[in-house]
Amino acid sequence: MYTIKDLYDLEHTYPQAAEYLSQYTYPWEALAGIKNLILAIGASLPEEEFDHLAEDVWIAKDATVFATAYIGGPCIIGHKTEVRQCAFIRGSALVGENCVVGNSTELKNVILFDNVQVPHYNYVGDSILGYKSHMGAGSITSNVKSDKKLVVVKDGTQQIETGLKKMGAMLGDRVEVGCNSVLNPGTVIGRDSNIYPTSCVRGVVPAGHIWKRDGEVVEKY
């Protein structure tokens, strides 16, 4: 339930990103190559559709970027996406179409599929957010363990070693994360699942479930 095929519809991202992701089994395996992926896609973007405004930064001509937003490369901002005031994009951010990167939101080493919303005071680092996923105000992905050990994805008694010191969260398509929630390192949330506000989430949340609190995860339907 936590493979790329389980989590993401690859029709809702850049074709080159879909091809890149499809070579892996688990989404976190793709984190290390996001920078080079963006550089490869950027070099192929049509000039009539994208402005190359700074080194390794490509922004769709029909995107909206507020003057106070900071965008560091490499980065691609897709068609009709809105980057609001004081957004801080630190680099290695592949942002799809019709997305919202909100006020004071910070992105670093991420893939945002089309129609993703991170609209208010979010931190998203070393993470992949699927089609139409949404993070409520103040919700964040924590990407480094407090003991600085390598991140392990835990699903009950099963543990998958990622080999990564930095890994945030993998959100499947249409995931809803409630306000002021913390997604701990190695969190994986299956498609169509919901996270209650102010939650502290770790491990794997199956597709089509609701995380109410630790130890209480119920089916939606």
N, C-alpha and C. Protein backbone atom coordinates (compact mmCIF):
# COMPACT_ATOMS: atom_id res chain seq x y z
N MET A 1 0.81 -1.21 0.00
CA MET A 1 0.00 0.00 0.00
C MET A 1 0.85 1.26 0.00
N TYR A 2 2.17 1.13 -0.08
CA TYR A 2 3.02 2.32 -0.05
C TYR A 2 4.00 2.35 -1.20
N THR A 3 3.66 1.67 -2.29
CA THR A 3 4.47 1.79 -3.49
C THR A 3 3.99 2.99 -4.31
N ILE A 4 4.78 3.37 -5.29
CA ILE A 4 4.38 4.47 -6.18
C ILE A 4 3.08 4.14 -6.88
N LYS A 5 2.92 2.91 -7.34
CA LYS A 5 1.68 2.51 -8.02
C LYS A 5 0.48 2.60 -7.09
N ASP A 6 0.68 2.29 -5.83
CA ASP A 6 -0.41 2.36 -4.86
C ASP A 6 -0.85 3.79 -4.58
N LEU A 7 0.10 4.71 -4.60
CA LEU A 7 -0.15 6.06 -4.09
C LEU A 7 -0.52 7.08 -5.16
N TYR A 8 0.04 6.94 -6.38
CA TYR A 8 -0.01 8.05 -7.32
C TYR A 8 -0.54 7.66 -8.70
N ASP A 9 -1.36 8.55 -9.26
CA ASP A 9 -1.75 8.48 -10.66
C ASP A 9 -0.74 9.32 -11.43
N LEU A 10 0.13 8.68 -12.16
CA LEU A 10 1.23 9.37 -12.82
C LEU A 10 0.79 10.19 -14.02
N GLU A 11 -0.49 10.16 -14.34
CA GLU A 11 -1.01 11.02 -15.40
C GLU A 11 -1.09 12.48 -14.95
N HIS A 12 -0.96 12.72 -13.65
CA HIS A 12 -1.16 14.07 -13.11
C HIS A 12 0.14 14.72 -12.66
N THR A 13 1.18 14.53 -13.46
CA THR A 13 2.45 15.22 -13.24
C THR A 13 3.12 15.38 -14.59
N TYR A 14 4.27 15.99 -14.62
CA TYR A 14 5.00 16.16 -15.87
C TYR A 14 5.35 14.79 -16.46
N PRO A 15 5.24 14.61 -17.77
CA PRO A 15 5.53 13.29 -18.36
C PRO A 15 6.91 12.77 -17.99
N GLN A 16 7.91 13.65 -17.97
CA GLN A 16 9.25 13.20 -17.59
C GLN A 16 9.31 12.76 -16.14
N ALA A 17 8.53 13.42 -15.27
CA ALA A 17 8.48 13.02 -13.86
C ALA A 17 7.80 11.67 -13.72
N ALA A 18 6.75 11.45 -14.51
CA ALA A 18 6.07 10.15 -14.47
C ALA A 18 7.02 9.03 -14.88
N GLU A 19 7.78 9.28 -15.93
CA GLU A 19 8.76 8.29 -16.39
C GLU A 19 9.83 8.06 -15.33
N TYR A 20 10.27 9.13 -14.70
CA TYR A 20 11.29 9.02 -13.65
C TYR A 20 10.76 8.22 -12.46
N LEU A 21 9.58 8.55 -11.99
CA LEU A 21 9.03 7.86 -10.83
C LEU A 21 8.74 6.39 -11.10
N SER A 22 8.36 6.08 -12.31
CA SER A 22 7.95 4.71 -12.63
C SER A 22 9.09 3.72 -12.56
N GLN A 23 10.32 4.20 -12.51
CA GLN A 23 11.45 3.27 -12.43
C GLN A 23 11.70 2.77 -11.01
N TYR A 24 11.01 3.37 -10.04
CA TYR A 24 11.21 3.00 -8.64
C TYR A 24 10.00 2.23 -8.10
N THR A 25 10.24 1.52 -7.02
CA THR A 25 9.15 0.84 -6.32
C THR A 25 8.54 1.74 -5.27
N TYR A 26 9.37 2.32 -4.42
CA TYR A 26 8.90 3.18 -3.34
C TYR A 26 9.18 4.64 -3.66
N PRO A 27 8.28 5.54 -3.30
CA PRO A 27 8.46 6.95 -3.68
C PRO A 27 9.69 7.60 -3.07
N TRP A 28 10.06 7.22 -1.86
CA TRP A 28 11.22 7.86 -1.23
C TRP A 28 12.51 7.55 -1.97
N GLU A 29 12.51 6.49 -2.78
CA GLU A 29 13.71 6.19 -3.57
C GLU A 29 13.98 7.28 -4.61
N ALA A 30 12.96 8.07 -4.94
CA ALA A 30 13.09 9.10 -5.96
C ALA A 30 13.58 10.43 -5.42
N LEU A 31 13.66 10.59 -4.11
CA LEU A 31 13.99 11.89 -3.54
C LEU A 31 15.37 12.39 -3.95
N ALA A 32 16.32 11.51 -4.01
CA ALA A 32 17.70 11.92 -4.27
C ALA A 32 17.88 12.52 -5.65
N GLY A 33 17.02 12.18 -6.58
CA GLY A 33 17.21 12.63 -7.96
C GLY A 33 16.32 13.78 -8.39
N ILE A 34 15.60 14.40 -7.46
CA ILE A 34 14.65 15.45 -7.84
C ILE A 34 15.38 16.63 -8.49
N LYS A 35 16.50 17.03 -7.95
CA LYS A 35 17.24 18.16 -8.52
C LYS A 35 17.57 17.94 -9.99
N ASN A 36 18.16 16.80 -10.30
CA ASN A 36 18.54 16.53 -11.68
C ASN A 36 17.32 16.36 -12.58
N LEU A 37 16.24 15.82 -12.02
CA LEU A 37 14.99 15.69 -12.78
C LEU A 37 14.49 17.07 -13.21
N ILE A 38 14.48 18.01 -12.29
CA ILE A 38 14.01 19.36 -12.61
C ILE A 38 14.87 20.01 -13.68
N LEU A 39 16.17 19.86 -13.58
CA LEU A 39 17.07 20.44 -14.57
C LEU A 39 16.81 19.85 -15.96
N ALA A 40 16.54 18.55 -16.01
CA ALA A 40 16.27 17.91 -17.30
C ALA A 40 14.95 18.39 -17.88
N ILE A 41 13.92 18.47 -17.04
CA ILE A 41 12.62 18.94 -17.52
C ILE A 41 12.71 20.40 -17.96
N GLY A 42 13.35 21.21 -17.13
CA GLY A 42 13.45 22.63 -17.42
C GLY A 42 14.08 22.92 -18.77
N ALA A 43 15.10 22.16 -19.11
CA ALA A 43 15.79 22.38 -20.38
C ALA A 43 14.91 22.07 -21.58
N SER A 44 13.84 21.32 -21.36
CA SER A 44 12.97 20.92 -22.47
C SER A 44 11.67 21.72 -22.54
N LEU A 45 11.45 22.63 -21.61
CA LEU A 45 10.18 23.36 -21.58
C LEU A 45 10.11 24.38 -22.71
N PRO A 46 8.94 24.50 -23.34
CA PRO A 46 8.82 25.45 -24.46
C PRO A 46 8.88 26.90 -24.00
N GLU A 47 9.67 27.70 -24.69
CA GLU A 47 9.86 29.10 -24.31
C GLU A 47 8.57 29.91 -24.44
N GLU A 48 7.67 29.49 -25.31
CA GLU A 48 6.42 30.23 -25.47
C GLU A 48 5.46 29.98 -24.30
N GLU A 49 5.75 29.01 -23.46
CA GLU A 49 4.88 28.69 -22.32
C GLU A 49 5.52 28.99 -20.97
N PHE A 50 6.85 28.99 -20.89
CA PHE A 50 7.55 29.16 -19.62
C PHE A 50 8.58 30.28 -19.72
N ASP A 51 8.62 31.11 -18.67
CA ASP A 51 9.68 32.11 -18.53
C ASP A 51 10.84 31.51 -17.76
N HIS A 52 12.05 31.77 -18.22
CA HIS A 52 13.27 31.33 -17.54
C HIS A 52 13.81 32.55 -16.81
N LEU A 53 13.25 32.83 -15.64
CA LEU A 53 13.46 34.12 -14.98
C LEU A 53 14.77 34.23 -14.21
N ALA A 54 15.29 33.11 -13.79
CA ALA A 54 16.56 33.09 -13.06
C ALA A 54 17.23 31.76 -13.35
N GLU A 55 18.44 31.61 -12.85
CA GLU A 55 19.17 30.38 -13.12
C GLU A 55 18.40 29.18 -12.59
N ASP A 56 18.10 28.25 -13.48
CA ASP A 56 17.42 27.00 -13.14
C ASP A 56 16.04 27.22 -12.53
N VAL A 57 15.39 28.31 -12.89
CA VAL A 57 14.01 28.58 -12.44
C VAL A 57 13.13 28.81 -13.66
N TRP A 58 12.10 27.98 -13.80
CA TRP A 58 11.17 28.10 -14.91
C TRP A 58 9.76 28.28 -14.34
N ILE A 59 9.07 29.29 -14.82
CA ILE A 59 7.73 29.60 -14.32
C ILE A 59 6.78 29.74 -15.49
N ALA A 60 5.68 29.01 -15.44
CA ALA A 60 4.70 29.08 -16.52
C ALA A 60 4.18 30.52 -16.65
N LYS A 61 3.99 30.94 -17.88
CA LYS A 61 3.56 32.31 -18.13
C LYS A 61 2.18 32.60 -17.56
N ASP A 62 1.36 31.56 -17.39
CA ASP A 62 0.03 31.77 -16.83
C ASP A 62 -0.04 31.47 -15.34
N ALA A 63 1.13 31.28 -14.72
CA ALA A 63 1.17 31.15 -13.25
C ALA A 63 1.15 32.53 -12.62
N THR A 64 0.74 32.57 -11.34
CA THR A 64 0.72 33.83 -10.59
C THR A 64 1.73 33.74 -9.45
N VAL A 65 2.69 34.63 -9.44
CA VAL A 65 3.71 34.63 -8.40
C VAL A 65 3.75 36.01 -7.75
N PHE A 66 3.47 36.08 -6.46
CA PHE A 66 3.47 37.35 -5.75
C PHE A 66 4.91 37.88 -5.65
N ALA A 67 5.02 39.19 -5.62
CA ALA A 67 6.34 39.83 -5.64
C ALA A 67 7.19 39.47 -4.43
N THR A 68 6.57 39.16 -3.30
CA THR A 68 7.33 38.87 -2.09
C THR A 68 7.75 37.41 -1.97
N ALA A 69 7.35 36.56 -2.91
CA ALA A 69 7.75 35.15 -2.88
C ALA A 69 9.21 35.01 -3.28
N TYR A 70 9.90 34.05 -2.65
CA TYR A 70 11.28 33.73 -3.02
C TYR A 70 11.29 32.37 -3.70
N ILE A 71 11.89 32.32 -4.88
CA ILE A 71 11.96 31.06 -5.62
C ILE A 71 13.42 30.80 -5.98
N GLY A 72 14.00 29.79 -5.35
CA GLY A 72 15.37 29.40 -5.64
C GLY A 72 15.40 28.18 -6.54
N GLY A 73 16.40 28.09 -7.38
CA GLY A 73 16.50 26.97 -8.29
C GLY A 73 17.25 25.78 -7.70
N PRO A 74 17.08 24.63 -8.33
CA PRO A 74 16.22 24.42 -9.48
C PRO A 74 14.75 24.30 -9.07
N CYS A 75 13.89 24.88 -9.91
CA CYS A 75 12.47 24.89 -9.59
C CYS A 75 11.67 25.07 -10.87
N ILE A 76 10.54 24.39 -10.93
CA ILE A 76 9.57 24.58 -12.00
C ILE A 76 8.21 24.84 -11.38
N ILE A 77 7.56 25.90 -11.82
CA ILE A 77 6.20 26.24 -11.38
C ILE A 77 5.28 26.03 -12.57
N GLY A 78 4.29 25.16 -12.42
CA GLY A 78 3.45 24.75 -13.54
C GLY A 78 2.35 25.73 -13.89
N HIS A 79 1.63 25.40 -14.95
CA HIS A 79 0.56 26.24 -15.48
C HIS A 79 -0.52 26.52 -14.42
N LYS A 80 -0.91 27.79 -14.36
CA LYS A 80 -2.03 28.25 -13.54
C LYS A 80 -1.83 28.00 -12.04
N THR A 81 -0.59 27.77 -11.65
CA THR A 81 -0.28 27.64 -10.23
C THR A 81 -0.12 29.03 -9.61
N GLU A 82 -0.47 29.13 -8.33
CA GLU A 82 -0.36 30.40 -7.61
C GLU A 82 0.65 30.26 -6.48
N VAL A 83 1.65 31.13 -6.48
CA VAL A 83 2.64 31.18 -5.41
C VAL A 83 2.42 32.49 -4.67
N ARG A 84 1.93 32.40 -3.46
CA ARG A 84 1.45 33.58 -2.74
C ARG A 84 2.56 34.28 -1.96
N GLN A 85 2.15 35.34 -1.27
CA GLN A 85 3.10 36.23 -0.63
C GLN A 85 3.96 35.51 0.41
N CYS A 86 5.25 35.83 0.36
CA CYS A 86 6.24 35.34 1.33
C CYS A 86 6.44 33.83 1.28
N ALA A 87 6.01 33.18 0.21
CA ALA A 87 6.36 31.77 0.04
C ALA A 87 7.88 31.67 -0.11
N PHE A 88 8.45 30.58 0.41
CA PHE A 88 9.90 30.39 0.41
C PHE A 88 10.19 29.05 -0.23
N ILE A 89 10.55 29.08 -1.51
CA ILE A 89 10.88 27.85 -2.24
C ILE A 89 12.40 27.77 -2.32
N ARG A 90 12.96 26.87 -1.53
CA ARG A 90 14.40 26.83 -1.33
C ARG A 90 15.15 26.15 -2.47
N GLY A 91 14.44 25.43 -3.31
CA GLY A 91 15.09 24.76 -4.42
C GLY A 91 14.70 23.29 -4.50
N SER A 92 14.99 22.70 -5.66
CA SER A 92 14.62 21.31 -5.93
C SER A 92 13.12 21.08 -5.67
N ALA A 93 12.31 21.99 -6.24
CA ALA A 93 10.86 21.90 -6.09
C ALA A 93 10.23 21.80 -7.47
N LEU A 94 9.57 20.69 -7.72
CA LEU A 94 8.85 20.47 -8.96
C LEU A 94 7.36 20.61 -8.66
N VAL A 95 6.78 21.73 -9.07
CA VAL A 95 5.39 22.07 -8.73
C VAL A 95 4.54 21.96 -9.99
N GLY A 96 3.46 21.20 -9.89
CA GLY A 96 2.62 20.91 -11.05
C GLY A 96 1.67 22.03 -11.42
N GLU A 97 0.64 21.67 -12.16
CA GLU A 97 -0.35 22.63 -12.62
C GLU A 97 -1.45 22.84 -11.58
N ASN A 98 -2.02 24.05 -11.59
CA ASN A 98 -3.17 24.38 -10.75
C ASN A 98 -2.91 24.14 -9.26
N CYS A 99 -1.68 24.36 -8.83
CA CYS A 99 -1.33 24.20 -7.42
C CYS A 99 -1.44 25.55 -6.70
N VAL A 100 -1.46 25.47 -5.37
CA VAL A 100 -1.38 26.66 -4.53
C VAL A 100 -0.24 26.47 -3.54
N VAL A 101 0.74 27.37 -3.61
CA VAL A 101 1.82 27.43 -2.63
C VAL A 101 1.57 28.72 -1.85
N GLY A 102 1.12 28.58 -0.63
CA GLY A 102 0.53 29.71 0.07
C GLY A 102 1.49 30.59 0.83
N ASN A 103 0.88 31.54 1.52
CA ASN A 103 1.64 32.52 2.28
C ASN A 103 2.51 31.84 3.34
N SER A 104 3.79 32.21 3.32
CA SER A 104 4.77 31.72 4.29
C SER A 104 4.98 30.21 4.23
N THR A 105 4.60 29.59 3.14
CA THR A 105 4.85 28.16 2.95
C THR A 105 6.27 27.96 2.43
N GLU A 106 6.93 26.93 2.96
CA GLU A 106 8.30 26.62 2.57
C GLU A 106 8.36 25.25 1.89
N LEU A 107 9.04 25.21 0.75
CA LEU A 107 9.22 23.95 0.01
C LEU A 107 10.70 23.68 -0.18
N LYS A 108 11.06 22.40 -0.09
CA LYS A 108 12.47 22.02 -0.30
C LYS A 108 12.52 20.54 -0.71
N ASN A 109 13.09 20.29 -1.88
CA ASN A 109 13.26 18.93 -2.39
C ASN A 109 11.94 18.15 -2.39
N VAL A 110 11.03 18.63 -3.24
CA VAL A 110 9.68 18.05 -3.26
C VAL A 110 9.18 17.89 -4.70
N ILE A 111 8.24 16.98 -4.84
CA ILE A 111 7.42 16.90 -6.04
C ILE A 111 5.98 17.12 -5.61
N LEU A 112 5.34 18.13 -6.20
CA LEU A 112 3.92 18.37 -5.98
C LEU A 112 3.20 18.04 -7.29
N PHE A 113 2.35 17.04 -7.24
CA PHE A 113 1.56 16.69 -8.41
C PHE A 113 0.57 17.83 -8.71
N ASP A 114 -0.16 17.72 -9.81
CA ASP A 114 -1.13 18.74 -10.18
C ASP A 114 -2.20 18.92 -9.09
N ASN A 115 -2.68 20.15 -8.96
CA ASN A 115 -3.81 20.48 -8.07
C ASN A 115 -3.51 20.28 -6.59
N VAL A 116 -2.25 20.25 -6.21
CA VAL A 116 -1.88 20.16 -4.80
C VAL A 116 -2.04 21.54 -4.15
N GLN A 117 -2.51 21.55 -2.91
CA GLN A 117 -2.64 22.79 -2.17
C GLN A 117 -1.87 22.71 -0.86
N VAL A 118 -0.91 23.61 -0.72
CA VAL A 118 -0.20 23.82 0.55
C VAL A 118 -0.33 25.33 0.83
N PRO A 119 -1.51 25.77 1.25
CA PRO A 119 -1.89 27.18 1.11
C PRO A 119 -1.57 28.11 2.27
N HIS A 120 -1.25 27.58 3.46
CA HIS A 120 -1.09 28.48 4.60
C HIS A 120 -0.05 27.94 5.59
N TYR A 121 1.10 28.57 5.67
CA TYR A 121 2.07 28.29 6.75
C TYR A 121 2.49 26.83 6.81
N ASN A 122 2.74 26.24 5.67
CA ASN A 122 3.14 24.83 5.64
C ASN A 122 4.64 24.70 5.41
N TYR A 123 5.24 23.64 5.97
CA TYR A 123 6.59 23.25 5.60
C TYR A 123 6.51 21.88 4.95
N VAL A 124 7.03 21.79 3.73
CA VAL A 124 7.04 20.52 3.00
C VAL A 124 8.46 20.28 2.51
N GLY A 125 9.12 19.30 3.09
CA GLY A 125 10.49 19.01 2.72
C GLY A 125 10.73 17.54 2.50
N ASP A 126 11.49 17.21 1.47
CA ASP A 126 11.85 15.81 1.16
C ASP A 126 10.60 14.94 1.13
N SER A 127 9.63 15.41 0.36
CA SER A 127 8.31 14.77 0.34
C SER A 127 7.75 14.76 -1.07
N ILE A 128 6.76 13.89 -1.29
CA ILE A 128 6.04 13.84 -2.56
C ILE A 128 4.55 13.87 -2.24
N LEU A 129 3.85 14.84 -2.83
CA LEU A 129 2.42 15.03 -2.56
C LEU A 129 1.63 14.73 -3.83
N GLY A 130 0.71 13.79 -3.72
CA GLY A 130 -0.05 13.33 -4.88
C GLY A 130 -1.16 14.26 -5.31
N TYR A 131 -1.75 13.92 -6.44
CA TYR A 131 -2.79 14.71 -7.11
C TYR A 131 -3.92 15.09 -6.15
N LYS A 132 -4.21 16.39 -6.12
CA LYS A 132 -5.28 16.96 -5.32
C LYS A 132 -5.11 16.77 -3.81
N SER A 133 -3.90 16.45 -3.37
CA SER A 133 -3.69 16.39 -1.92
C SER A 133 -3.67 17.80 -1.35
N HIS A 134 -4.03 17.91 -0.08
CA HIS A 134 -4.20 19.23 0.55
C HIS A 134 -3.70 19.17 1.97
N MET A 135 -2.89 20.15 2.34
CA MET A 135 -2.41 20.26 3.71
C MET A 135 -3.05 21.49 4.34
N GLY A 136 -3.76 21.28 5.45
CA GLY A 136 -4.41 22.37 6.13
C GLY A 136 -3.43 23.35 6.74
N ALA A 137 -3.93 24.50 7.15
CA ALA A 137 -3.08 25.57 7.66
C ALA A 137 -2.20 25.08 8.81
N GLY A 138 -0.91 25.38 8.72
CA GLY A 138 0.02 25.05 9.79
C GLY A 138 0.49 23.62 9.83
N SER A 139 0.01 22.77 8.94
CA SER A 139 0.47 21.38 8.94
C SER A 139 1.82 21.29 8.25
N ILE A 140 2.68 20.39 8.73
CA ILE A 140 4.04 20.32 8.24
C ILE A 140 4.49 18.87 8.07
N THR A 141 5.52 18.70 7.24
CA THR A 141 6.22 17.42 7.16
C THR A 141 7.53 17.58 7.92
N SER A 142 7.72 16.76 8.94
CA SER A 142 8.99 16.73 9.66
C SER A 142 9.89 15.74 8.94
N ASN A 143 11.08 16.16 8.55
CA ASN A 143 11.88 15.31 7.66
C ASN A 143 13.18 14.79 8.27
N VAL A 144 13.46 15.10 9.53
CA VAL A 144 14.66 14.59 10.19
C VAL A 144 14.28 14.09 11.58
N LYS A 145 14.71 12.90 11.93
CA LYS A 145 14.42 12.36 13.26
C LYS A 145 15.22 13.11 14.33
N SER A 146 14.68 13.19 15.50
CA SER A 146 15.35 13.93 16.58
C SER A 146 16.67 13.29 16.97
N ASP A 147 16.79 11.97 16.80
CA ASP A 147 18.05 11.30 17.12
C ASP A 147 19.00 11.26 15.92
N LYS A 148 18.57 11.85 14.80
CA LYS A 148 19.38 11.96 13.58
C LYS A 148 19.70 10.60 12.94
N LYS A 149 18.99 9.56 13.34
CA LYS A 149 19.19 8.24 12.72
C LYS A 149 18.46 8.17 11.38
N LEU A 150 18.76 7.14 10.60
CA LEU A 150 18.12 6.98 9.31
C LEU A 150 16.63 6.68 9.47
N VAL A 151 15.85 7.19 8.53
CA VAL A 151 14.39 7.07 8.61
C VAL A 151 13.96 5.66 8.23
N VAL A 152 13.02 5.13 9.00
CA VAL A 152 12.43 3.82 8.75
C VAL A 152 10.93 4.00 8.56
N VAL A 153 10.39 3.41 7.50
CA VAL A 153 8.94 3.42 7.30
C VAL A 153 8.36 2.23 8.05
N LYS A 154 7.45 2.50 8.99
CA LYS A 154 6.91 1.45 9.84
C LYS A 154 5.43 1.23 9.56
N ASP A 155 5.09 -0.01 9.30
CA ASP A 155 3.70 -0.42 9.08
C ASP A 155 3.42 -1.60 10.00
N GLY A 156 2.92 -1.29 11.19
CA GLY A 156 2.74 -2.35 12.18
C GLY A 156 4.08 -2.92 12.57
N THR A 157 4.22 -4.23 12.42
CA THR A 157 5.48 -4.89 12.77
C THR A 157 6.48 -4.84 11.63
N GLN A 158 6.04 -4.47 10.44
CA GLN A 158 6.93 -4.40 9.29
C GLN A 158 7.69 -3.08 9.29
N GLN A 159 8.97 -3.15 9.00
CA GLN A 159 9.81 -1.97 8.95
C GLN A 159 10.63 -1.99 7.66
N ILE A 160 10.59 -0.86 6.95
CA ILE A 160 11.34 -0.74 5.71
C ILE A 160 12.44 0.29 5.89
N GLU A 161 13.67 -0.14 5.77
CA GLU A 161 14.80 0.77 5.88
C GLU A 161 14.88 1.62 4.62
N THR A 162 14.88 2.95 4.78
CA THR A 162 14.97 3.83 3.62
C THR A 162 16.40 4.20 3.27
N GLY A 163 17.30 4.12 4.25
CA GLY A 163 18.67 4.56 4.03
C GLY A 163 18.83 6.06 3.96
N LEU A 164 17.77 6.79 4.32
CA LEU A 164 17.76 8.24 4.21
C LEU A 164 17.79 8.90 5.58
N LYS A 165 18.62 9.94 5.70
CA LYS A 165 18.58 10.74 6.92
C LYS A 165 17.43 11.74 6.86
N LYS A 166 17.10 12.17 5.64
CA LYS A 166 16.02 13.13 5.48
C LYS A 166 14.92 12.54 4.60
N MET A 167 13.76 12.39 5.19
CA MET A 167 12.56 11.96 4.45
C MET A 167 11.36 12.49 5.20
N GLY A 168 10.54 13.23 4.50
CA GLY A 168 9.33 13.77 5.10
C GLY A 168 8.17 12.80 4.99
N ALA A 169 7.17 13.16 4.19
CA ALA A 169 5.97 12.35 4.07
C ALA A 169 5.65 12.09 2.60
N MET A 170 5.05 10.94 2.36
CA MET A 170 4.55 10.58 1.04
C MET A 170 3.02 10.59 1.12
N LEU A 171 2.40 11.56 0.46
CA LEU A 171 0.94 11.67 0.48
C LEU A 171 0.38 11.17 -0.84
N GLY A 172 -0.52 10.21 -0.76
CA GLY A 172 -1.17 9.71 -1.97
C GLY A 172 -2.15 10.71 -2.54
N ASP A 173 -2.74 10.36 -3.66
CA ASP A 173 -3.72 11.23 -4.31
C ASP A 173 -4.89 11.52 -3.38
N ARG A 174 -5.32 12.77 -3.39
CA ARG A 174 -6.54 13.24 -2.70
C ARG A 174 -6.49 13.06 -1.18
N VAL A 175 -5.31 13.10 -0.62
CA VAL A 175 -5.16 13.06 0.84
C VAL A 175 -5.51 14.43 1.43
N GLU A 176 -6.20 14.43 2.56
CA GLU A 176 -6.55 15.66 3.28
C GLU A 176 -5.88 15.63 4.65
N VAL A 177 -5.02 16.61 4.90
CA VAL A 177 -4.33 16.71 6.19
C VAL A 177 -4.91 17.88 6.95
N GLY A 178 -5.39 17.64 8.17
CA GLY A 178 -6.01 18.68 8.97
C GLY A 178 -5.02 19.71 9.49
N CYS A 179 -5.56 20.85 9.87
CA CYS A 179 -4.73 21.98 10.31
C CYS A 179 -3.84 21.61 11.50
N ASN A 180 -2.64 22.19 11.50
CA ASN A 180 -1.68 22.07 12.61
C ASN A 180 -1.29 20.63 12.92
N SER A 181 -1.29 19.79 11.90
CA SER A 181 -0.83 18.42 12.07
C SER A 181 0.65 18.31 11.74
N VAL A 182 1.32 17.35 12.39
CA VAL A 182 2.72 17.06 12.11
C VAL A 182 2.81 15.65 11.54
N LEU A 183 3.38 15.56 10.34
CA LEU A 183 3.63 14.27 9.73
C LEU A 183 5.10 13.93 9.97
N ASN A 184 5.34 12.97 10.83
CA ASN A 184 6.70 12.65 11.25
C ASN A 184 7.51 11.98 10.14
N PRO A 185 8.84 11.97 10.26
CA PRO A 185 9.67 11.37 9.21
C PRO A 185 9.24 9.95 8.89
N GLY A 186 9.10 9.67 7.60
CA GLY A 186 8.73 8.33 7.16
C GLY A 186 7.24 8.07 7.14
N THR A 187 6.43 9.11 7.26
CA THR A 187 4.98 8.92 7.19
C THR A 187 4.54 8.67 5.75
N VAL A 188 3.65 7.71 5.57
CA VAL A 188 3.05 7.42 4.26
C VAL A 188 1.54 7.37 4.44
N ILE A 189 0.83 8.19 3.65
CA ILE A 189 -0.62 8.26 3.77
C ILE A 189 -1.24 7.83 2.45
N GLY A 190 -2.05 6.79 2.50
CA GLY A 190 -2.63 6.22 1.29
C GLY A 190 -3.68 7.12 0.66
N ARG A 191 -4.01 6.81 -0.58
CA ARG A 191 -4.98 7.60 -1.34
C ARG A 191 -6.30 7.77 -0.59
N ASP A 192 -6.87 8.98 -0.73
CA ASP A 192 -8.23 9.28 -0.24
C ASP A 192 -8.36 9.17 1.28
N SER A 193 -7.25 9.28 1.99
CA SER A 193 -7.32 9.24 3.45
C SER A 193 -7.34 10.64 4.03
N ASN A 194 -7.84 10.75 5.26
CA ASN A 194 -7.96 12.03 5.96
C ASN A 194 -7.23 11.96 7.29
N ILE A 195 -6.62 13.06 7.65
CA ILE A 195 -5.93 13.20 8.93
C ILE A 195 -6.65 14.26 9.74
N TYR A 196 -7.08 13.93 10.95
CA TYR A 196 -7.75 14.90 11.80
C TYR A 196 -6.81 16.07 12.13
N PRO A 197 -7.37 17.24 12.35
CA PRO A 197 -6.55 18.39 12.76
C PRO A 197 -5.76 18.10 14.04
N THR A 198 -4.65 18.76 14.18
CA THR A 198 -3.74 18.70 15.33
C THR A 198 -3.21 17.29 15.61
N SER A 199 -3.13 16.47 14.58
CA SER A 199 -2.63 15.11 14.74
C SER A 199 -1.11 15.06 14.70
N CYS A 200 -0.55 14.05 15.35
CA CYS A 200 0.87 13.74 15.26
C CYS A 200 0.97 12.34 14.66
N VAL A 201 1.30 12.30 13.36
CA VAL A 201 1.16 11.06 12.59
C VAL A 201 2.53 10.45 12.33
N ARG A 202 2.60 9.14 12.44
CA ARG A 202 3.80 8.42 12.06
C ARG A 202 3.39 7.06 11.49
N GLY A 203 4.23 6.51 10.65
CA GLY A 203 3.95 5.20 10.08
C GLY A 203 3.09 5.30 8.83
N VAL A 204 2.34 4.23 8.57
CA VAL A 204 1.56 4.12 7.34
C VAL A 204 0.07 4.20 7.67
N VAL A 205 -0.63 5.09 6.95
CA VAL A 205 -2.08 5.18 7.04
C VAL A 205 -2.64 4.56 5.76
N PRO A 206 -3.44 3.50 5.86
CA PRO A 206 -3.93 2.84 4.65
C PRO A 206 -4.83 3.74 3.81
N ALA A 207 -4.96 3.41 2.56
CA ALA A 207 -5.84 4.15 1.67
C ALA A 207 -7.28 4.09 2.18
N GLY A 208 -8.00 5.20 1.99
CA GLY A 208 -9.41 5.23 2.34
C GLY A 208 -9.69 5.15 3.82
N HIS A 209 -8.80 5.68 4.65
CA HIS A 209 -8.98 5.65 6.10
C HIS A 209 -8.94 7.05 6.70
N ILE A 210 -9.36 7.14 7.94
CA ILE A 210 -9.31 8.38 8.70
C ILE A 210 -8.43 8.17 9.92
N TRP A 211 -7.38 9.01 10.03
CA TRP A 211 -6.56 9.00 11.24
C TRP A 211 -7.22 9.95 12.23
N LYS A 212 -7.77 9.41 13.30
CA LYS A 212 -8.37 10.24 14.34
C LYS A 212 -7.36 10.57 15.44
N ARG A 213 -6.61 9.57 15.82
CA ARG A 213 -5.53 9.75 16.78
C ARG A 213 -4.69 8.49 16.74
N ASP A 214 -3.51 8.50 17.37
CA ASP A 214 -2.67 7.32 17.39
C ASP A 214 -3.43 6.15 17.99
N GLY A 215 -3.51 5.06 17.24
CA GLY A 215 -4.25 3.90 17.70
C GLY A 215 -5.71 3.86 17.29
N GLU A 216 -6.18 4.93 16.65
CA GLU A 216 -7.56 4.96 16.18
C GLU A 216 -7.58 5.43 14.73
N VAL A 217 -7.49 4.46 13.83
CA VAL A 217 -7.54 4.71 12.40
C VAL A 217 -8.67 3.85 11.85
N VAL A 218 -9.66 4.51 11.24
CA VAL A 218 -10.87 3.80 10.84
C VAL A 218 -11.11 3.97 9.35
N GLU A 219 -11.84 3.01 8.77
CA GLU A 219 -12.19 3.11 7.36
C GLU A 219 -13.19 4.23 7.14
N LYS A 220 -13.07 4.90 5.99
CA LYS A 220 -13.97 5.99 5.67
C LYS A 220 -15.34 5.50 5.24
N TYR A 221 -15.38 4.34 4.57
CA TYR A 221 -16.64 3.89 3.99
C TYR A 221 -17.05 2.54 4.54
